[in-house]
Amino acid sequence: MAQNILVIHYSQSGQLTEILQNFCKPFADSTIEWIKVEPSTPFPFPWTSASFFDAMPETVLEKPVPIKPLHFERSQYDLIIFGYQPWFLSPSLPASAILQDEEFRKIMNGTNIVSVLGCRNMWINAQEAVKQQIASAGGKLIGNVPLIDKTSNLISVVTILHWMLTGQKTKKWGVFPIPGVSDEDIRDVSQFGALLKEKLSANQTDEFQDALVAKGGVIIPVSILFIESRAKMLFRIWANLITKKTAKGGNRKFWINFFKYYLIFALFIVSPIVLMIYHIFVRPFKGQHIKRELAYYRGTQLR
């Protein structure tokens, strides 16, 4: 059954665009409108370290950046596919701008929506923010397809930073894995698009996410669940602190650098120790709680 589909996203490196193109291949018989959002002031790619970390406070506080005007061909669609990346455990600044755009919010009202992500490995807090924005606009989130970098957490920090700061999706020093979502996963995401099309054709949209999870389409390592449950609160504290200090005339660059070195220390020194303690002394006694949390975050419902 042909559908009128809106695909809207922001991509710096082009990886997310490629993911969405493959995801939408099964919908070749549908009318697809593609909108690639552009900030009024483009974010650099590759990033500089200073520009990347400077984006943290506004990203975490979900303050939208100005974007070029959005032009929609329709006022209603059968399906919206919203592609985004998390930055600092939150929707990227352009993603927040899309979700807070008044015209787009009107289009979301009453419409089936599927979110598609391309990211390192931490997305559950960002997705909670997306869920809230969609729900407040009256949209119906029927699916979430997160594609992640499947290498270990600390190694992926090194490889993603290599990609972000050089613009090269290559093996750092010829030793580390290639950063980002694997070529295989990008290619195979079309199977999830086919699954979505099947459920839409059968008028079984409420079954899509469960079917996606059953196919292994939503991966949440327990270690990442634990880290995200605590890290977002710390990011909010830092974001509010930097905003407050800057408003009082403080040196923003100083506080951004302070956060950067705190984050590096937390990632590479504190996090491994805390995770070891968690896996030995806490996780064995939290089995049922972990199962409930994983089931919730794999789904589309909002608490």
C-alpha atoms as a PDB file:
ATOM      1  CA  MET A   1       0.000   0.000   0.000  1.00  0.00           C
ATOM      2  CA  ALA A   2       1.476   3.348  -1.058  1.00  0.00           C
ATOM      3  CA  GLN A   3       2.043   5.858   1.720  1.00  0.00           C
ATOM      4  CA  ASN A   4       2.742   9.575   1.885  1.00  0.00           C
ATOM      5  CA  ILE A   5       5.897   9.644   3.978  1.00  0.00           C
ATOM      6  CA  LEU A   6       7.920  12.524   5.382  1.00  0.00           C
ATOM      7  CA  VAL A   7      11.580  11.819   6.162  1.00  0.00           C
ATOM      8  CA  ILE A   8      13.131  14.667   8.124  1.00  0.00           C
ATOM      9  CA  HIS A   9      16.589  14.688   9.649  1.00  0.00           C
ATOM     10  CA  TYR A  10      19.857  16.461  10.288  1.00  0.00           C
ATOM     11  CA  SER A  11      23.186  14.814   9.497  1.00  0.00           C
ATOM     12  CA  GLN A  12      26.680  16.257   9.790  1.00  0.00           C
ATOM     13  CA  SER A  13      28.795  13.410   8.467  1.00  0.00           C
ATOM     14  CA  GLY A  14      26.242  11.894   6.084  1.00  0.00           C
ATOM     15  CA  GLN A  15      26.041   8.620   8.029  1.00  0.00           C
ATOM     16  CA  LEU A  16      22.467   9.201   9.176  1.00  0.00           C
ATOM     17  CA  THR A  17      21.382  10.138   5.654  1.00  0.00           C
ATOM     18  CA  GLU A  18      22.776   6.834   4.386  1.00  0.00           C
ATOM     19  CA  ILE A  19      20.995   4.936   7.171  1.00  0.00           C
ATOM     20  CA  LEU A  20      17.675   6.573   6.300  1.00  0.00           C
ATOM     21  CA  GLN A  21      18.096   5.942   2.585  1.00  0.00           C
ATOM     22  CA  ASN A  22      18.570   2.232   3.242  1.00  0.00           C
ATOM     23  CA  PHE A  23      15.761   2.119   5.799  1.00  0.00           C
ATOM     24  CA  CYS A  24      13.376   3.607   3.227  1.00  0.00           C
ATOM     25  CA  LYS A  25      14.310   1.302   0.334  1.00  0.00           C
ATOM     26  CA  PRO A  26      11.285  -0.990   0.925  1.00  0.00           C
ATOM     27  CA  PHE A  27       9.008   2.056   0.473  1.00  0.00           C
ATOM     28  CA  ALA A  28       9.959   2.544  -3.184  1.00  0.00           C
ATOM     29  CA  ASP A  29       6.271   2.457  -4.156  1.00  0.00           C
ATOM     30  CA  SER A  30       5.398   5.259  -1.719  1.00  0.00           C
ATOM     31  CA  THR A  31       5.655   9.018  -2.071  1.00  0.00           C
ATOM     32  CA  ILE A  32       8.575  10.109   0.087  1.00  0.00           C
ATOM     33  CA  GLU A  33       9.350  13.733   0.857  1.00  0.00           C
ATOM     34  CA  TRP A  34      12.913  14.247   2.078  1.00  0.00           C
ATOM     35  CA  ILE A  35      13.851  17.225   4.232  1.00  0.00           C
ATOM     36  CA  LYS A  36      17.447  17.592   5.361  1.00  0.00           C
ATOM     37  CA  VAL A  37      17.475  20.301   7.986  1.00  0.00           C
ATOM     38  CA  GLU A  38      20.169  22.976   7.878  1.00  0.00           C
ATOM     39  CA  PRO A  39      21.062  25.203  10.841  1.00  0.00           C
ATOM     40  CA  SER A  40      21.211  28.899   9.985  1.00  0.00           C
ATOM     41  CA  THR A  41      24.819  28.812  11.187  1.00  0.00           C
ATOM     42  CA  PRO A  42      26.228  25.425  10.167  1.00  0.00           C
ATOM     43  CA  PHE A  43      28.009  23.291  12.725  1.00  0.00           C
ATOM     44  CA  PRO A  44      31.522  22.430  11.589  1.00  0.00           C
ATOM     45  CA  PHE A  45      32.492  18.987  10.375  1.00  0.00           C
ATOM     46  CA  PRO A  46      35.013  17.982  11.314  1.00  0.00           C
ATOM     47  CA  TRP A  47      34.496  19.590  14.683  1.00  0.00           C
ATOM     48  CA  THR A  48      37.156  21.376  16.644  1.00  0.00           C
ATOM     49  CA  SER A  49      37.392  20.269  20.254  1.00  0.00           C
ATOM     50  CA  ALA A  50      36.383  23.756  21.398  1.00  0.00           C
ATOM     51  CA  SER A  51      33.299  23.980  19.166  1.00  0.00           C
ATOM     52  CA  PHE A  52      32.114  20.490  20.104  1.00  0.00           C
ATOM     53  CA  PHE A  53      32.245  20.976  23.856  1.00  0.00           C
ATOM     54  CA  ASP A  54      30.874  24.511  23.568  1.00  0.00           C
ATOM     55  CA  ALA A  55      27.639  23.002  22.233  1.00  0.00           C
ATOM     56  CA  MET A  56      27.071  21.025  25.445  1.00  0.00           C
ATOM     57  CA  PRO A  57      25.061  23.411  27.685  1.00  0.00           C
ATOM     58  CA  GLU A  58      22.451  24.368  25.093  1.00  0.00           C
ATOM     59  CA  THR A  59      22.213  20.770  23.838  1.00  0.00           C
ATOM     60  CA  VAL A  60      21.549  19.341  27.294  1.00  0.00           C
ATOM     61  CA  LEU A  61      19.046  22.104  28.088  1.00  0.00           C
ATOM     62  CA  GLU A  62      17.371  21.471  24.687  1.00  0.00           C
ATOM     63  CA  LYS A  63      17.584  25.063  23.540  1.00  0.00           C
ATOM     64  CA  PRO A  64      16.867  25.050  19.801  1.00  0.00           C
ATOM     65  CA  VAL A  65      19.273  26.706  17.387  1.00  0.00           C
ATOM     66  CA  PRO A  66      17.912  28.752  14.469  1.00  0.00           C
ATOM     67  CA  ILE A  67      17.403  26.585  11.388  1.00  0.00           C
ATOM     68  CA  LYS A  68      16.639  27.492   7.804  1.00  0.00           C
ATOM     69  CA  PRO A  69      12.864  27.595   7.147  1.00  0.00           C
ATOM     70  CA  LEU A  70      11.177  24.227   6.716  1.00  0.00           C
ATOM     71  CA  HIS A  71       8.939  23.839   3.670  1.00  0.00           C
ATOM     72  CA  PHE A  72       6.463  20.959   3.732  1.00  0.00           C
ATOM     73  CA  GLU A  73       4.602  19.827   0.636  1.00  0.00           C
ATOM     74  CA  ARG A  74       1.648  18.572   2.683  1.00  0.00           C
ATOM     75  CA  SER A  75      -0.134  19.390   5.890  1.00  0.00           C
ATOM     76  CA  GLN A  76      -0.656  15.698   6.681  1.00  0.00           C
ATOM     77  CA  TYR A  77       1.365  12.524   6.146  1.00  0.00           C
ATOM     78  CA  ASP A  78       0.659   8.841   6.692  1.00  0.00           C
ATOM     79  CA  LEU A  79       4.041   8.415   8.357  1.00  0.00           C
ATOM     80  CA  ILE A  80       6.877  10.590   9.618  1.00  0.00           C
ATOM     81  CA  ILE A  81      10.380   9.157   9.861  1.00  0.00           C
ATOM     82  CA  PHE A  82      12.446  11.369  12.140  1.00  0.00           C
ATOM     83  CA  GLY A  83      16.203  10.830  11.980  1.00  0.00           C
ATOM     84  CA  TYR A  84      18.492  12.302  14.598  1.00  0.00           C
ATOM     85  CA  GLN A  85      21.725  11.903  16.544  1.00  0.00           C
ATOM     86  CA  PRO A  86      22.229  12.279  20.276  1.00  0.00           C
ATOM     87  CA  TRP A  87      24.739  14.850  21.461  1.00  0.00           C
ATOM     88  CA  PHE A  88      25.695  14.763  25.153  1.00  0.00           C
ATOM     89  CA  LEU A  89      22.894  12.268  25.951  1.00  0.00           C
ATOM     90  CA  SER A  90      20.324  14.658  24.446  1.00  0.00           C
ATOM     91  CA  PRO A  91      18.876  15.233  20.981  1.00  0.00           C
ATOM     92  CA  SER A  92      21.322  17.240  18.884  1.00  0.00           C
ATOM     93  CA  LEU A  93      20.692  20.975  18.743  1.00  0.00           C
ATOM     94  CA  PRO A  94      19.224  20.765  15.210  1.00  0.00           C
ATOM     95  CA  ALA A  95      17.040  17.824  16.290  1.00  0.00           C
ATOM     96  CA  SER A  96      15.649  19.854  19.186  1.00  0.00           C
ATOM     97  CA  ALA A  97      15.000  22.711  16.774  1.00  0.00           C
ATOM     98  CA  ILE A  98      13.029  20.409  14.476  1.00  0.00           C
ATOM     99  CA  LEU A  99      10.941  19.013  17.325  1.00  0.00           C
ATOM    100  CA  GLN A 100      10.156  22.503  18.613  1.00  0.00           C
ATOM    101  CA  ASP A 101       9.270  23.966  15.210  1.00  0.00           C
ATOM    102  CA  GLU A 102       5.631  25.048  15.385  1.00  0.00           C
ATOM    103  CA  GLU A 103       4.694  23.972  11.867  1.00  0.00           C
ATOM    104  CA  PHE A 104       6.314  20.567  12.292  1.00  0.00           C
ATOM    105  CA  ARG A 105       4.542  20.085  15.620  1.00  0.00           C
ATOM    106  CA  LYS A 106       1.209  20.648  13.865  1.00  0.00           C
ATOM    107  CA  ILE A 107       2.147  18.016  11.287  1.00  0.00           C
ATOM    108  CA  MET A 108       3.131  15.553  14.038  1.00  0.00           C
ATOM    109  CA  ASN A 109      -0.283  15.848  15.668  1.00  0.00           C
ATOM    110  CA  GLY A 110      -2.199  12.604  15.106  1.00  0.00           C
ATOM    111  CA  THR A 111       0.520  11.120  12.880  1.00  0.00           C
ATOM    112  CA  ASN A 112       2.420   7.842  13.185  1.00  0.00           C
ATOM    113  CA  ILE A 113       6.105   8.544  13.777  1.00  0.00           C
ATOM    114  CA  VAL A 114       9.205   6.356  13.705  1.00  0.00           C
ATOM    115  CA  SER A 115      12.519   7.641  15.035  1.00  0.00           C
ATOM    116  CA  VAL A 116      15.758   6.404  13.488  1.00  0.00           C
ATOM    117  CA  LEU A 117      19.118   7.039  15.132  1.00  0.00           C
ATOM    118  CA  GLY A 118      22.737   6.673  14.152  1.00  0.00           C
ATOM    119  CA  CYS A 119      24.952   7.092  17.202  1.00  0.00           C
ATOM    120  CA  ARG A 120      27.840   5.837  19.321  1.00  0.00           C
ATOM    121  CA  ASN A 121      26.056   3.756  21.963  1.00  0.00           C
ATOM    122  CA  MET A 122      24.177   6.065  24.330  1.00  0.00           C
ATOM    123  CA  TRP A 123      20.732   7.103  23.170  1.00  0.00           C
ATOM    124  CA  ILE A 124      18.131   6.260  25.828  1.00  0.00           C
ATOM    125  CA  ASN A 125      18.069   9.691  27.512  1.00  0.00           C
ATOM    126  CA  ALA A 126      17.931  11.449  24.162  1.00  0.00           C
ATOM    127  CA  GLN A 127      15.060   9.211  23.120  1.00  0.00           C
ATOM    128  CA  GLU A 128      13.155  10.035  26.303  1.00  0.00           C
ATOM    129  CA  ALA A 129      13.370  13.706  25.336  1.00  0.00           C
ATOM    130  CA  VAL A 130      12.176  12.880  21.811  1.00  0.00           C
ATOM    131  CA  LYS A 131       9.272  10.849  23.217  1.00  0.00           C
ATOM    132  CA  GLN A 132       8.224  13.815  25.348  1.00  0.00           C
ATOM    133  CA  GLN A 133       8.325  16.242  22.427  1.00  0.00           C
ATOM    134  CA  ILE A 134       6.337  13.909  20.180  1.00  0.00           C
ATOM    135  CA  ALA A 135       3.752  13.217  22.886  1.00  0.00           C
ATOM    136  CA  SER A 136       3.318  16.916  23.685  1.00  0.00           C
ATOM    137  CA  ALA A 137       2.683  17.604  19.986  1.00  0.00           C
ATOM    138  CA  GLY A 138       0.053  14.853  19.812  1.00  0.00           C
ATOM    139  CA  GLY A 139       2.132  12.515  17.653  1.00  0.00           C
ATOM    140  CA  LYS A 140       2.095   8.737  17.958  1.00  0.00           C
ATOM    141  CA  LEU A 141       5.535   7.161  18.241  1.00  0.00           C
ATOM    142  CA  ILE A 142       5.141   3.651  16.830  1.00  0.00           C
ATOM    143  CA  GLY A 143       8.799   2.729  16.518  1.00  0.00           C
ATOM    144  CA  ASN A 144      12.372   3.546  17.401  1.00  0.00           C
ATOM    145  CA  VAL A 145      15.270   2.139  15.379  1.00  0.00           C
ATOM    146  CA  PRO A 146      18.632   2.921  17.023  1.00  0.00           C
ATOM    147  CA  LEU A 147      21.769   1.939  15.123  1.00  0.00           C
ATOM    148  CA  ILE A 148      24.875   2.044  17.298  1.00  0.00           C
ATOM    149  CA  ASP A 149      28.623   1.600  17.177  1.00  0.00           C
ATOM    150  CA  LYS A 150      29.001  -1.902  18.631  1.00  0.00           C
ATOM    151  CA  THR A 151      32.604  -1.617  19.796  1.00  0.00           C
ATOM    152  CA  SER A 152      33.305  -1.321  23.532  1.00  0.00           C
ATOM    153  CA  ASN A 153      32.425   1.919  25.269  1.00  0.00           C
ATOM    154  CA  LEU A 154      35.904   3.345  25.862  1.00  0.00           C
ATOM    155  CA  ILE A 155      37.276   2.272  22.487  1.00  0.00           C
ATOM    156  CA  SER A 156      34.323   3.882  20.730  1.00  0.00           C
ATOM    157  CA  VAL A 157      35.051   7.147  22.571  1.00  0.00           C
ATOM    158  CA  VAL A 158      38.520   7.171  20.999  1.00  0.00           C
ATOM    159  CA  THR A 159      37.337   6.189  17.521  1.00  0.00           C
ATOM    160  CA  ILE A 160      34.372   8.572  17.404  1.00  0.00           C
ATOM    161  CA  LEU A 161      36.537  11.481  18.554  1.00  0.00           C
ATOM    162  CA  HIS A 162      39.013  10.576  15.808  1.00  0.00           C
ATOM    163  CA  TRP A 163      36.202  10.755  13.238  1.00  0.00           C
ATOM    164  CA  MET A 164      34.621  13.904  14.669  1.00  0.00           C
ATOM    165  CA  LEU A 165      37.864  15.869  14.952  1.00  0.00           C
ATOM    166  CA  THR A 166      39.495  14.781  11.678  1.00  0.00           C
ATOM    167  CA  GLY A 167      36.490  14.075   9.467  1.00  0.00           C
ATOM    168  CA  GLN A 168      38.048  10.724   8.574  1.00  0.00           C
ATOM    169  CA  LYS A 169      36.073   7.521   9.121  1.00  0.00           C
ATOM    170  CA  THR A 170      39.266   5.479   9.295  1.00  0.00           C
ATOM    171  CA  LYS A 171      41.173   3.286  11.733  1.00  0.00           C
ATOM    172  CA  LYS A 172      43.006   5.559  14.151  1.00  0.00           C
ATOM    173  CA  TRP A 173      46.733   4.766  13.975  1.00  0.00           C
ATOM    174  CA  GLY A 174      45.763   1.781  11.828  1.00  0.00           C
ATOM    175  CA  VAL A 175      44.911  -0.111  15.025  1.00  0.00           C
ATOM    176  CA  PHE A 176      41.507   0.970  16.341  1.00  0.00           C
ATOM    177  CA  PRO A 177      38.232  -0.164  14.711  1.00  0.00           C
ATOM    178  CA  ILE A 178      36.556   1.996  12.088  1.00  0.00           C
ATOM    179  CA  PRO A 179      34.281   4.436  13.948  1.00  0.00           C
ATOM    180  CA  GLY A 180      30.528   4.696  13.707  1.00  0.00           C
ATOM    181  CA  VAL A 181      27.757   2.336  12.719  1.00  0.00           C
ATOM    182  CA  SER A 182      29.167  -0.561  10.708  1.00  0.00           C
ATOM    183  CA  ASP A 183      28.665  -0.720   6.943  1.00  0.00           C
ATOM    184  CA  GLU A 184      26.864  -4.034   7.459  1.00  0.00           C
ATOM    185  CA  ASP A 185      24.363  -2.530   9.902  1.00  0.00           C
ATOM    186  CA  ILE A 186      23.791   0.469   7.635  1.00  0.00           C
ATOM    187  CA  ARG A 187      23.102  -1.854   4.708  1.00  0.00           C
ATOM    188  CA  ASP A 188      20.916  -4.260   6.684  1.00  0.00           C
ATOM    189  CA  VAL A 189      18.699  -1.578   8.238  1.00  0.00           C
ATOM    190  CA  SER A 190      16.517  -2.032   5.142  1.00  0.00           C
ATOM    191  CA  GLN A 191      15.151  -5.191   6.789  1.00  0.00           C
ATOM    192  CA  PHE A 192      13.672  -3.030   9.541  1.00  0.00           C
ATOM    193  CA  GLY A 193      12.151  -0.758   6.926  1.00  0.00           C
ATOM    194  CA  ALA A 194      10.582  -3.833   5.326  1.00  0.00           C
ATOM    195  CA  LEU A 195       9.232  -4.872   8.719  1.00  0.00           C
ATOM    196  CA  LEU A 196       7.685  -1.437   9.202  1.00  0.00           C
ATOM    197  CA  LYS A 197       6.092  -1.566   5.768  1.00  0.00           C
ATOM    198  CA  GLU A 198       4.647  -4.996   6.560  1.00  0.00           C
ATOM    199  CA  LYS A 199       3.081  -3.761   9.809  1.00  0.00           C
ATOM    200  CA  LEU A 200       1.725  -0.608   8.167  1.00  0.00           C
ATOM    201  CA  SER A 201       0.150  -2.615   5.335  1.00  0.00           C
ATOM    202  CA  ALA A 202      -1.479  -4.972   7.831  1.00  0.00           C
ATOM    203  CA  ASN A 203      -2.662  -2.058   9.992  1.00  0.00           C
ATOM    204  CA  GLN A 204      -0.583  -3.492  12.857  1.00  0.00           C
ATOM    205  CA  THR A 205       1.510  -0.459  13.723  1.00  0.00           C
ATOM    206  CA  ASP A 206       1.265  -1.197  17.454  1.00  0.00           C
ATOM    207  CA  GLU A 207       3.158  -4.430  16.840  1.00  0.00           C
ATOM    208  CA  PHE A 208       6.120  -2.923  14.998  1.00  0.00           C
ATOM    209  CA  GLN A 209       8.353  -2.145  17.977  1.00  0.00           C
ATOM    210  CA  ASP A 210       7.901  -5.570  19.576  1.00  0.00           C
ATOM    211  CA  ALA A 211       8.704  -7.202  16.247  1.00  0.00           C
ATOM    212  CA  LEU A 212      11.758  -4.965  15.884  1.00  0.00           C
ATOM    213  CA  VAL A 213      13.015  -5.925  19.345  1.00  0.00           C
ATOM    214  CA  ALA A 214      12.439  -9.607  18.570  1.00  0.00           C
ATOM    215  CA  LYS A 215      14.674  -9.209  15.490  1.00  0.00           C
ATOM    216  CA  GLY A 216      17.462  -7.734  17.605  1.00  0.00           C
ATOM    217  CA  GLY A 217      16.886  -4.224  16.330  1.00  0.00           C
ATOM    218  CA  VAL A 218      17.256  -2.490  19.705  1.00  0.00           C
ATOM    219  CA  ILE A 219      20.531  -3.046  21.562  1.00  0.00           C
ATOM    220  CA  ILE A 220      21.045  -1.694  25.092  1.00  0.00           C
ATOM    221  CA  PRO A 221      24.108  -3.041  26.946  1.00  0.00           C
ATOM    222  CA  VAL A 222      23.467  -3.195  30.697  1.00  0.00           C
ATOM    223  CA  SER A 223      26.620  -1.157  31.352  1.00  0.00           C
ATOM    224  CA  ILE A 224      25.292   1.625  29.126  1.00  0.00           C
ATOM    225  CA  LEU A 225      21.912   1.511  30.877  1.00  0.00           C
ATOM    226  CA  PHE A 226      23.693   2.021  34.201  1.00  0.00           C
ATOM    227  CA  ILE A 227      25.894   4.858  32.912  1.00  0.00           C
ATOM    228  CA  GLU A 228      23.020   6.715  31.257  1.00  0.00           C
ATOM    229  CA  SER A 229      20.839   6.474  34.350  1.00  0.00           C
ATOM    230  CA  ARG A 230      23.368   8.636  36.193  1.00  0.00           C
ATOM    231  CA  ALA A 231      25.234  10.633  33.576  1.00  0.00           C
ATOM    232  CA  LYS A 232      22.323  12.740  32.307  1.00  0.00           C
ATOM    233  CA  MET A 233      21.766  14.192  35.782  1.00  0.00           C
ATOM    234  CA  LEU A 234      25.447  15.183  35.936  1.00  0.00           C
ATOM    235  CA  PHE A 235      25.276  16.706  32.461  1.00  0.00           C
ATOM    236  CA  ARG A 236      22.279  18.806  33.518  1.00  0.00           C
ATOM    237  CA  ILE A 237      24.170  20.039  36.576  1.00  0.00           C
ATOM    238  CA  TRP A 238      27.110  21.058  34.400  1.00  0.00           C
ATOM    239  CA  ALA A 239      24.889  22.656  31.741  1.00  0.00           C
ATOM    240  CA  ASN A 240      23.037  24.740  34.313  1.00  0.00           C
ATOM    241  CA  LEU A 241      26.281  25.661  36.082  1.00  0.00           C
ATOM    242  CA  ILE A 242      27.952  26.869  32.880  1.00  0.00           C
ATOM    243  CA  THR A 243      24.833  28.786  31.826  1.00  0.00           C
ATOM    244  CA  LYS A 244      24.567  30.418  35.256  1.00  0.00           C
ATOM    245  CA  LYS A 245      28.250  31.317  35.412  1.00  0.00           C
ATOM    246  CA  THR A 246      28.200  32.747  31.890  1.00  0.00           C
ATOM    247  CA  ALA A 247      25.079  34.819  32.635  1.00  0.00           C
ATOM    248  CA  LYS A 248      26.925  36.363  35.585  1.00  0.00           C
ATOM    249  CA  GLY A 249      29.844  37.347  33.391  1.00  0.00           C
ATOM    250  CA  GLY A 250      31.942  34.263  33.973  1.00  0.00           C
ATOM    251  CA  ASN A 251      34.459  32.990  31.454  1.00  0.00           C
ATOM    252  CA  ARG A 252      32.486  30.474  29.386  1.00  0.00           C
ATOM    253  CA  LYS A 253      35.627  29.047  27.800  1.00  0.00           C
ATOM    254  CA  PHE A 254      37.105  28.307  31.237  1.00  0.00           C
ATOM    255  CA  TRP A 255      34.010  26.436  32.404  1.00  0.00           C
ATOM    256  CA  ILE A 256      33.660  24.535  29.116  1.00  0.00           C
ATOM    257  CA  ASN A 257      37.282  23.382  29.421  1.00  0.00           C
ATOM    258  CA  PHE A 258      36.677  22.463  33.056  1.00  0.00           C
ATOM    259  CA  PHE A 259      33.764  20.260  31.930  1.00  0.00           C
ATOM    260  CA  LYS A 260      35.825  18.734  29.106  1.00  0.00           C
ATOM    261  CA  TYR A 261      38.594  17.568  31.421  1.00  0.00           C
ATOM    262  CA  TYR A 262      36.074  16.422  34.011  1.00  0.00           C
ATOM    263  CA  LEU A 263      34.362  14.317  31.339  1.00  0.00           C
ATOM    264  CA  ILE A 264      37.635  12.758  30.166  1.00  0.00           C
ATOM    265  CA  PHE A 265      38.550  11.915  33.769  1.00  0.00           C
ATOM    266  CA  ALA A 266      35.083  10.483  34.439  1.00  0.00           C
ATOM    267  CA  LEU A 267      35.076   8.378  31.262  1.00  0.00           C
ATOM    268  CA  PHE A 268      38.522   6.854  31.512  1.00  0.00           C
ATOM    269  CA  ILE A 269      39.213   6.767  35.272  1.00  0.00           C
ATOM    270  CA  VAL A 270      36.003   6.891  37.305  1.00  0.00           C
ATOM    271  CA  SER A 271      33.641   5.006  34.996  1.00  0.00           C
ATOM    272  CA  PRO A 272      35.627   1.725  34.764  1.00  0.00           C
ATOM    273  CA  ILE A 273      35.971   1.566  38.551  1.00  0.00           C
ATOM    274  CA  VAL A 274      32.300   2.331  39.179  1.00  0.00           C
ATOM    275  CA  LEU A 275      31.210  -0.197  36.546  1.00  0.00           C
ATOM    276  CA  MET A 276      33.372  -2.904  38.094  1.00  0.00           C
ATOM    277  CA  ILE A 277      31.800  -2.266  41.496  1.00  0.00           C
ATOM    278  CA  TYR A 278      28.326  -2.220  39.932  1.00  0.00           C
ATOM    279  CA  HIS A 279      28.766  -5.538  38.106  1.00  0.00           C
ATOM    280  CA  ILE A 280      30.188  -7.277  41.192  1.00  0.00           C
ATOM    281  CA  PHE A 281      28.112  -5.876  44.039  1.00  0.00           C
ATOM    282  CA  VAL A 282      24.902  -4.428  42.556  1.00  0.00           C
ATOM    283  CA  ARG A 283      23.894  -6.056  39.289  1.00  0.00           C
ATOM    284  CA  PRO A 284      23.508  -9.603  40.712  1.00  0.00           C
ATOM    285  CA  PHE A 285      20.781  -8.309  43.035  1.00  0.00           C
ATOM    286  CA  LYS A 286      18.961  -6.089  40.523  1.00  0.00           C
ATOM    287  CA  GLY A 287      18.019  -8.645  37.879  1.00  0.00           C
ATOM    288  CA  GLN A 288      14.284  -7.965  37.783  1.00  0.00           C
ATOM    289  CA  HIS A 289      14.712  -4.205  37.939  1.00  0.00           C
ATOM    290  CA  ILE A 290      17.192  -4.305  35.050  1.00  0.00           C
ATOM    291  CA  LYS A 291      14.786  -6.422  32.981  1.00  0.00           C
ATOM    292  CA  ARG A 292      11.986  -3.912  33.558  1.00  0.00           C
ATOM    293  CA  GLU A 293      14.225  -0.983  32.634  1.00  0.00           C
ATOM    294  CA  LEU A 294      15.479  -2.673  29.473  1.00  0.00           C
ATOM    295  CA  ALA A 295      11.921  -3.551  28.441  1.00  0.00           C
ATOM    296  CA  TYR A 296      10.828   0.051  28.949  1.00  0.00           C
ATOM    297  CA  TYR A 297      13.670   1.661  27.022  1.00  0.00           C
ATOM    298  CA  ARG A 298      13.346  -0.820  24.164  1.00  0.00           C
ATOM    299  CA  GLY A 299       9.750   0.292  23.733  1.00  0.00           C
ATOM    300  CA  THR A 300       8.017   3.470  22.638  1.00  0.00           C
ATOM    301  CA  GLN A 301       5.796   4.241  25.619  1.00  0.00           C
ATOM    302  CA  LEU A 302       6.460   7.265  27.817  1.00  0.00           C
ATOM    303  CA  ARG A 303       6.349   6.979  31.584  1.00  0.00           C
END
